[in-house]
Amino acid sequence: MKDFSRTGARLFRITAAVLLILFLLLWGAQTLFAHRNPVFTPDYPMEDLTALLAQEQLSAADYDALFLQTGLGMPAIDALLAQGAQGREQILAIQRQFFAAPATVCAELFGLLVREDRLAPDKNGQPVWGPPMPTLEDGDVLLTYATHSMGWRHGHAGLVVDAARQKVLEAVVIGSDAAVTNLGHWRSYSNYLVLRLREKSPELQSELTTWALEHLEGVPYRLFSGLLGPKAPDPGLPGFGVQCAHLIWYAFQQFSYDVDADGGRLVTVDDLARSPLFEVVQLYGLDPRQWIY
């Protein structure tokens, strides 16, 4: 009987030690490895853009300079400059936020496994927001690398389905269905990227968002969508589901645009970010030099 008790106690200690080691490995991946690279803030000087914004015409080099200083791509710069003095002031305000060094917090999203980096509240406990997205259009794609699981920054994606009302269609997490959410929470991420189809048109944008709402809203979250089974199955089939990046790809491929940069079975946020079919409208918390070609 004593030998049995000793064996049981030994197994208990071994099990407890294994669980502790696994917990420490998970903690290390989620806190240390996932944050091995700090949140990006420009490592180059902030410049006075007044003279540049006063020019009647901008060159490719001018657009690159503005992109480095503000995170605003050509579509956003053109749209804001068309607003005159008010638009120029907004560009300068976004530049100031782009160069600010924000504090961040790593928040729980799905138990111990999935977490996301958000901008930390200020000293009074009030929420802090990233720069506004003043030039959004229907059909724009929102990406962030703030979401991570066990050290892997897989990120998150959403589709702007109503820019005027700031509504986004997104598949958020296991156990939930794709749903329309408010845009606001995207500005609390530690980084974000706004993309737009280069060949966009008002008709395409309207048709794409309408189709996405009709066929993808309410679809279950499927982590391995596209990886197990057909990449583009009929949405009416039993078991159909999407994860966040696959939702974006699935909507665009219905209109013959394959926005998966590497063409693999699994569509990731980075595949969308590197697609040559998209152009950058705006980014924040990310190094713009990675998107200057």
Foldseek 3Di string as FASTA:
>chain_A
DVVVVVVVVVVVVVVVVVVVVVVVLLVCQLPPLLCVDPQDADPDDADDCVVVLPDPDDDPVSQVVLCQQQQFHPVQSVVLSVVPPRSVVLSVVSSVLQRDDFDWDWADDDPSFKIFIFGAAPPVRHADFHRDQPDDDQQKKKWDQRMDGSNRSLTFIWGRLDVVQQWTWFQRDAPFATAIDHNRRSRGGSKMWIKDFPPDDPVVSNVLSVVLCVQRGRFHADPCAQPPDHNADDSVDPPDHYHGQSSSQNSVVVVPDRQQQVPDSDRTSVSNVPGPRIDTRGMHSDRCVVRDD
